[in-house]
Amino acid sequence: SNEKKIALDKFWLERGETKQRSRELIKIYYNRVQSSNLFFTTFKEGWKTDRGLIYIIFGEPDRVQKSYNQEYWYYSSTSRRDATEFFFIKKNHEES
């Protein structure tokens, strides 16, 4: 349906405020989805995993620490958000 495309276009235009910025945001989003699938796919697609979702929303972390059963991601503060941290714990040796 054409209405779905109109709604999607409206969504991106509202976030980007200009067509140029909206195009940039779309490119960033789909590149992150593709990277999530490349880096985090295990028994399900990478974009469906916890790490994939965080990667899509926040991008590449500023710092990553890994151990046998957990992973820590740190994002520095920006003008739009405070510093943010995520902990991912492997359960039964599966990636999250």
N, C-alpha and C. Protein backbone atom coordinates (compact mmCIF):
# COMPACT_ATOMS: atom_id res chain seq x y z
N SER A 1 0.84 -1.19 0.00
CA SER A 1 0.00 0.00 0.00
C SER A 1 0.87 1.24 0.00
N ASN A 2 0.46 2.25 -0.72
CA ASN A 2 1.19 3.51 -0.79
C ASN A 2 1.16 4.24 0.55
N GLU A 3 0.12 4.01 1.36
CA GLU A 3 0.01 4.67 2.65
C GLU A 3 1.14 4.27 3.59
N LYS A 4 1.62 3.03 3.50
CA LYS A 4 2.74 2.59 4.33
C LYS A 4 4.00 3.37 3.97
N LYS A 5 4.22 3.57 2.68
CA LYS A 5 5.40 4.33 2.24
C LYS A 5 5.30 5.78 2.70
N ILE A 6 4.13 6.35 2.60
CA ILE A 6 3.92 7.73 3.05
C ILE A 6 4.19 7.84 4.55
N ALA A 7 3.70 6.87 5.31
CA ALA A 7 3.91 6.88 6.77
C ALA A 7 5.40 6.73 7.10
N LEU A 8 6.09 5.86 6.37
CA LEU A 8 7.52 5.67 6.60
C LEU A 8 8.31 6.93 6.23
N ASP A 9 7.97 7.53 5.10
CA ASP A 9 8.62 8.78 4.70
C ASP A 9 8.39 9.87 5.74
N LYS A 10 7.19 9.95 6.25
CA LYS A 10 6.86 10.95 7.27
C LYS A 10 7.68 10.71 8.54
N PHE A 11 7.80 9.44 8.94
CA PHE A 11 8.60 9.08 10.11
C PHE A 11 10.02 9.61 9.99
N TRP A 12 10.69 9.32 8.85
CA TRP A 12 12.08 9.74 8.68
C TRP A 12 12.20 11.25 8.53
N LEU A 13 11.25 11.88 7.86
CA LEU A 13 11.31 13.34 7.72
C LEU A 13 11.14 14.05 9.06
N GLU A 14 10.31 13.49 9.93
CA GLU A 14 10.13 14.10 11.25
C GLU A 14 11.41 13.99 12.08
N ARG A 15 12.11 12.89 11.94
CA ARG A 15 13.34 12.73 12.71
C ARG A 15 14.48 13.56 12.14
N GLY A 16 14.58 13.63 10.83
CA GLY A 16 15.68 14.33 10.20
C GLY A 16 15.45 15.81 9.99
N GLU A 17 14.21 16.22 9.97
CA GLU A 17 13.78 17.61 9.78
C GLU A 17 14.05 18.16 8.37
N THR A 18 15.04 17.65 7.68
CA THR A 18 15.26 18.01 6.27
C THR A 18 15.40 16.72 5.47
N LYS A 19 15.20 16.81 4.17
CA LYS A 19 15.34 15.61 3.33
C LYS A 19 16.76 15.07 3.38
N GLN A 20 17.74 15.97 3.34
CA GLN A 20 19.14 15.54 3.36
C GLN A 20 19.47 14.80 4.65
N ARG A 21 19.09 15.37 5.79
CA ARG A 21 19.38 14.73 7.08
C ARG A 21 18.61 13.41 7.20
N SER A 22 17.38 13.38 6.69
CA SER A 22 16.59 12.14 6.72
C SER A 22 17.28 11.05 5.92
N ARG A 23 17.83 11.40 4.76
CA ARG A 23 18.56 10.42 3.95
C ARG A 23 19.77 9.88 4.72
N GLU A 24 20.47 10.77 5.42
CA GLU A 24 21.63 10.34 6.21
C GLU A 24 21.21 9.37 7.31
N LEU A 25 20.11 9.69 8.00
CA LEU A 25 19.62 8.82 9.07
C LEU A 25 19.20 7.45 8.55
N ILE A 26 18.55 7.42 7.40
CA ILE A 26 18.14 6.16 6.79
C ILE A 26 19.38 5.32 6.46
N LYS A 27 20.39 5.96 5.90
CA LYS A 27 21.63 5.25 5.55
C LYS A 27 22.30 4.70 6.80
N ILE A 28 22.39 5.50 7.85
CA ILE A 28 22.98 5.05 9.12
C ILE A 28 22.21 3.85 9.66
N TYR A 29 20.89 3.97 9.68
CA TYR A 29 20.04 2.90 10.22
C TYR A 29 20.27 1.58 9.48
N TYR A 30 20.17 1.60 8.16
CA TYR A 30 20.28 0.35 7.41
C TYR A 30 21.71 -0.20 7.43
N ASN A 31 22.71 0.66 7.51
CA ASN A 31 24.08 0.18 7.66
C ASN A 31 24.26 -0.52 9.01
N ARG A 32 23.63 0.02 10.05
CA ARG A 32 23.72 -0.61 11.37
C ARG A 32 22.98 -1.93 11.41
N VAL A 33 21.85 -2.02 10.73
CA VAL A 33 21.13 -3.30 10.65
C VAL A 33 22.01 -4.33 9.95
N GLN A 34 22.61 -3.94 8.85
CA GLN A 34 23.48 -4.85 8.11
C GLN A 34 24.67 -5.28 8.98
N SER A 35 25.29 -4.34 9.68
CA SER A 35 26.41 -4.68 10.56
C SER A 35 25.97 -5.59 11.70
N SER A 36 24.79 -5.33 12.27
CA SER A 36 24.26 -6.18 13.33
C SER A 36 24.11 -7.61 12.86
N ASN A 37 23.61 -7.77 11.65
CA ASN A 37 23.45 -9.12 11.10
C ASN A 37 24.81 -9.78 10.87
N LEU A 38 25.79 -9.01 10.46
CA LEU A 38 27.12 -9.53 10.21
C LEU A 38 27.81 -9.93 11.52
N PHE A 39 27.74 -9.09 12.52
CA PHE A 39 28.48 -9.29 13.76
C PHE A 39 27.78 -10.16 14.80
N PHE A 40 26.46 -10.15 14.85
CA PHE A 40 25.75 -10.75 15.98
C PHE A 40 24.82 -11.89 15.65
N THR A 41 24.77 -12.33 14.40
CA THR A 41 23.90 -13.45 14.05
C THR A 41 24.43 -14.74 14.65
N THR A 42 23.55 -15.45 15.34
CA THR A 42 23.88 -16.78 15.85
C THR A 42 22.74 -17.70 15.44
N PHE A 43 21.90 -18.08 16.38
CA PHE A 43 20.73 -18.90 16.06
C PHE A 43 19.57 -18.06 15.56
N LYS A 44 19.72 -16.73 15.62
CA LYS A 44 18.73 -15.82 15.03
C LYS A 44 19.47 -14.64 14.42
N GLU A 45 18.77 -13.91 13.56
CA GLU A 45 19.39 -12.78 12.87
C GLU A 45 19.92 -11.78 13.88
N GLY A 46 21.05 -11.16 13.54
CA GLY A 46 21.73 -10.25 14.45
C GLY A 46 20.89 -9.08 14.91
N TRP A 47 20.05 -8.54 14.03
CA TRP A 47 19.23 -7.39 14.42
C TRP A 47 18.16 -7.76 15.45
N LYS A 48 17.92 -9.05 15.61
CA LYS A 48 16.92 -9.51 16.58
C LYS A 48 17.54 -9.82 17.95
N THR A 49 18.86 -9.70 18.07
CA THR A 49 19.54 -9.98 19.34
C THR A 49 19.62 -8.71 20.18
N ASP A 50 19.90 -8.89 21.46
CA ASP A 50 20.05 -7.73 22.34
C ASP A 50 21.18 -6.84 21.88
N ARG A 51 22.34 -7.43 21.59
CA ARG A 51 23.48 -6.63 21.14
C ARG A 51 23.18 -5.96 19.81
N GLY A 52 22.52 -6.67 18.91
CA GLY A 52 22.19 -6.08 17.61
C GLY A 52 21.27 -4.89 17.74
N LEU A 53 20.27 -5.00 18.60
CA LEU A 53 19.32 -3.89 18.81
C LEU A 53 20.03 -2.67 19.39
N ILE A 54 20.87 -2.89 20.40
CA ILE A 54 21.60 -1.77 20.99
C ILE A 54 22.54 -1.15 19.97
N TYR A 55 23.19 -1.98 19.16
CA TYR A 55 24.08 -1.49 18.12
C TYR A 55 23.33 -0.62 17.11
N ILE A 56 22.14 -1.04 16.73
CA ILE A 56 21.34 -0.26 15.78
C ILE A 56 20.97 1.09 16.38
N ILE A 57 20.58 1.11 17.63
CA ILE A 57 20.12 2.36 18.26
C ILE A 57 21.28 3.29 18.59
N PHE A 58 22.35 2.75 19.19
CA PHE A 58 23.44 3.58 19.70
C PHE A 58 24.68 3.62 18.81
N GLY A 59 24.80 2.65 17.90
CA GLY A 59 26.00 2.58 17.08
C GLY A 59 27.10 1.81 17.77
N GLU A 60 28.31 1.95 17.25
CA GLU A 60 29.46 1.24 17.81
C GLU A 60 29.81 1.81 19.19
N PRO A 61 30.02 0.95 20.18
CA PRO A 61 30.36 1.45 21.52
C PRO A 61 31.74 2.10 21.53
N ASP A 62 31.93 3.02 22.47
CA ASP A 62 33.23 3.66 22.63
C ASP A 62 34.24 2.72 23.27
N ARG A 63 33.74 1.80 24.09
CA ARG A 63 34.62 0.86 24.77
C ARG A 63 33.88 -0.46 24.95
N VAL A 64 34.59 -1.56 24.74
CA VAL A 64 34.03 -2.90 24.92
C VAL A 64 35.00 -3.72 25.76
N GLN A 65 34.46 -4.42 26.73
CA GLN A 65 35.25 -5.37 27.52
C GLN A 65 34.53 -6.71 27.46
N LYS A 66 35.32 -7.76 27.20
CA LYS A 66 34.73 -9.09 27.09
C LYS A 66 35.40 -10.04 28.07
N SER A 67 34.61 -10.96 28.56
CA SER A 67 35.14 -12.06 29.34
C SER A 67 34.46 -13.32 28.83
N TYR A 68 34.72 -14.41 29.51
CA TYR A 68 34.18 -15.70 29.05
C TYR A 68 32.67 -15.68 28.90
N ASN A 69 31.96 -15.10 29.87
CA ASN A 69 30.50 -15.21 29.84
C ASN A 69 29.76 -13.87 29.84
N GLN A 70 30.49 -12.76 29.66
CA GLN A 70 29.78 -11.48 29.61
C GLN A 70 30.52 -10.48 28.73
N GLU A 71 29.78 -9.45 28.38
CA GLU A 71 30.33 -8.39 27.56
C GLU A 71 29.79 -7.07 28.08
N TYR A 72 30.65 -6.07 28.12
CA TYR A 72 30.31 -4.74 28.64
C TYR A 72 30.54 -3.73 27.53
N TRP A 73 29.53 -2.89 27.26
CA TRP A 73 29.65 -1.82 26.26
C TRP A 73 29.46 -0.49 26.96
N TYR A 74 30.31 0.46 26.63
CA TYR A 74 30.25 1.80 27.21
C TYR A 74 30.11 2.83 26.10
N TYR A 75 29.17 3.74 26.28
CA TYR A 75 28.96 4.86 25.36
C TYR A 75 29.19 6.16 26.14
N SER A 76 30.08 7.00 25.64
CA SER A 76 30.36 8.29 26.29
C SER A 76 29.15 9.20 26.19
N SER A 77 29.11 10.19 27.06
CA SER A 77 28.01 11.16 27.00
C SER A 77 28.15 12.03 25.75
N THR A 78 27.02 12.48 25.26
CA THR A 78 26.97 13.38 24.11
C THR A 78 26.04 14.52 24.48
N SER A 79 25.84 15.42 23.53
CA SER A 79 24.91 16.52 23.78
C SER A 79 23.47 16.03 23.88
N ARG A 80 23.21 14.80 23.41
CA ARG A 80 21.85 14.27 23.40
C ARG A 80 21.57 13.23 24.48
N ARG A 81 22.64 12.70 25.13
CA ARG A 81 22.42 11.65 26.15
C ARG A 81 23.57 11.63 27.15
N ASP A 82 23.27 11.08 28.32
CA ASP A 82 24.30 10.85 29.33
C ASP A 82 25.11 9.62 28.94
N ALA A 83 26.23 9.42 29.60
CA ALA A 83 27.00 8.20 29.38
C ALA A 83 26.10 7.00 29.66
N THR A 84 26.25 5.97 28.86
CA THR A 84 25.37 4.81 28.94
C THR A 84 26.20 3.54 28.92
N GLU A 85 25.80 2.56 29.72
CA GLU A 85 26.49 1.28 29.79
C GLU A 85 25.51 0.13 29.59
N PHE A 86 26.00 -0.92 28.96
CA PHE A 86 25.20 -2.13 28.77
C PHE A 86 26.04 -3.34 29.14
N PHE A 87 25.42 -4.29 29.83
CA PHE A 87 26.05 -5.56 30.16
C PHE A 87 25.25 -6.67 29.48
N PHE A 88 25.96 -7.52 28.78
CA PHE A 88 25.34 -8.66 28.12
C PHE A 88 25.92 -9.92 28.75
N ILE A 89 25.06 -10.81 29.19
CA ILE A 89 25.50 -12.04 29.85
C ILE A 89 25.11 -13.22 28.98
N LYS A 90 26.09 -14.07 28.69
CA LYS A 90 25.83 -15.29 27.92
C LYS A 90 25.17 -16.31 28.83
N LYS A 91 24.09 -16.87 28.35
CA LYS A 91 23.41 -17.92 29.09
C LYS A 91 23.53 -19.21 28.29
N ASN A 92 23.96 -20.24 28.95
CA ASN A 92 24.16 -21.54 28.28
C ASN A 92 25.07 -21.42 27.07
N HIS A 93 26.06 -20.55 27.18
CA HIS A 93 27.07 -20.33 26.13
C HIS A 93 26.48 -19.77 24.84
N GLU A 94 25.31 -19.16 24.91
CA GLU A 94 24.69 -18.55 23.74
C GLU A 94 24.93 -17.05 23.77
N GLU A 95 25.08 -16.44 22.59
CA GLU A 95 25.21 -14.99 22.49
C GLU A 95 23.86 -14.35 22.69
N SER A 96 23.85 -13.18 23.32
CA SER A 96 22.58 -12.46 23.48
C SER A 96 22.49 -11.33 22.50
